[in-house]
């Protein structure tokens, strides 16, 4: 999350310098970076929950077959 926020910040900063639109591009691209970071956290959390559910199913199968 931190990396995507900094990437968005740097892209916006350099676009502002190039276009002379300070601070708008910095704010817009920082927002994109933060949104991207939260999206990555959401994807990782969903994947972890799915894997945990699969592990529980496997444990139940093992317990039931003994």
Protein backbone atom coordinates (compact mmCIF):
# COMPACT_ATOMS: atom_id res chain seq x y z
CA UNK A 1 0.00 0.00 0.00
CA UNK A 2 2.81 2.38 0.83
CA UNK A 3 4.61 1.73 -2.46
CA UNK A 4 1.55 2.43 -4.59
CA UNK A 5 0.86 5.63 -2.65
CA UNK A 6 4.40 6.87 -3.21
CA UNK A 7 4.30 5.94 -6.89
CA UNK A 8 1.09 7.93 -7.32
CA UNK A 9 2.60 10.83 -5.39
CA UNK A 10 5.73 10.93 -7.54
CA UNK A 11 3.80 10.65 -10.82
CA UNK A 12 1.54 13.52 -9.76
CA UNK A 13 4.44 15.62 -8.56
CA UNK A 14 6.36 15.30 -11.81
CA UNK A 15 3.24 15.92 -13.91
CA UNK A 16 2.62 19.07 -11.87
CA UNK A 17 6.17 20.25 -12.52
CA UNK A 18 5.87 19.50 -16.22
CA UNK A 19 2.37 20.92 -16.76
CA UNK A 20 2.44 23.65 -14.11
CA UNK A 21 -0.83 22.50 -12.54
CA UNK A 22 0.32 22.33 -8.92
CA UNK A 23 -1.15 20.78 -6.68
CA UNK A 24 -3.94 19.15 -8.71
CA UNK A 25 -2.09 16.32 -10.45
CA UNK A 26 -0.32 15.46 -7.20
CA UNK A 27 -3.63 15.15 -5.37
CA UNK A 28 -5.32 13.19 -8.15
CA UNK A 29 -2.48 10.71 -8.60
CA UNK A 30 -2.01 10.35 -4.85
CA UNK A 31 -5.70 9.42 -4.67
CA UNK A 32 -5.16 6.82 -7.41
CA UNK A 33 -2.19 5.42 -5.49
CA UNK A 34 -4.10 5.18 -2.24
CA UNK A 35 -7.05 3.52 -3.99
CA UNK A 36 -4.68 1.04 -5.60
CA UNK A 37 -3.13 0.24 -2.22
CA UNK A 38 -6.52 -0.45 -0.65
CA UNK A 39 -7.46 -2.60 -3.64
CA UNK A 40 -4.32 -4.67 -3.13
CA UNK A 41 -5.10 -5.11 0.58
CA UNK A 42 -8.64 -6.20 -0.30
CA UNK A 43 -7.37 -8.77 -2.81
CA UNK A 44 -4.81 -10.16 -0.37
CA UNK A 45 -7.35 -10.41 2.45
CA UNK A 46 -9.86 -12.18 0.22
CA UNK A 47 -7.18 -14.63 -0.94
CA UNK A 48 -6.12 -15.32 2.67
CA UNK A 49 -9.72 -15.97 3.73
CA UNK A 50 -10.25 -18.30 0.77
CA UNK A 51 -7.09 -20.26 1.61
CA UNK A 52 -8.12 -20.47 5.27
CA UNK A 53 -11.51 -21.86 4.25
CA UNK A 54 -9.85 -24.47 2.04
CA UNK A 55 -7.53 -25.50 4.88
CA UNK A 56 -10.50 -25.90 7.23
CA UNK A 57 -12.29 -28.09 4.67
CA UNK A 58 -9.20 -30.28 4.34
CA UNK A 59 -8.92 -30.58 8.13
CA UNK A 60 -12.58 -31.61 8.37
CA UNK A 61 -12.07 -34.26 5.68
CA UNK A 62 -9.06 -35.65 7.55
CA UNK A 63 -10.96 -35.72 10.85
CA UNK A 64 -13.96 -37.40 9.27
CA UNK A 65 -11.95 -40.14 7.55
CA UNK A 66 -10.21 -41.38 10.75
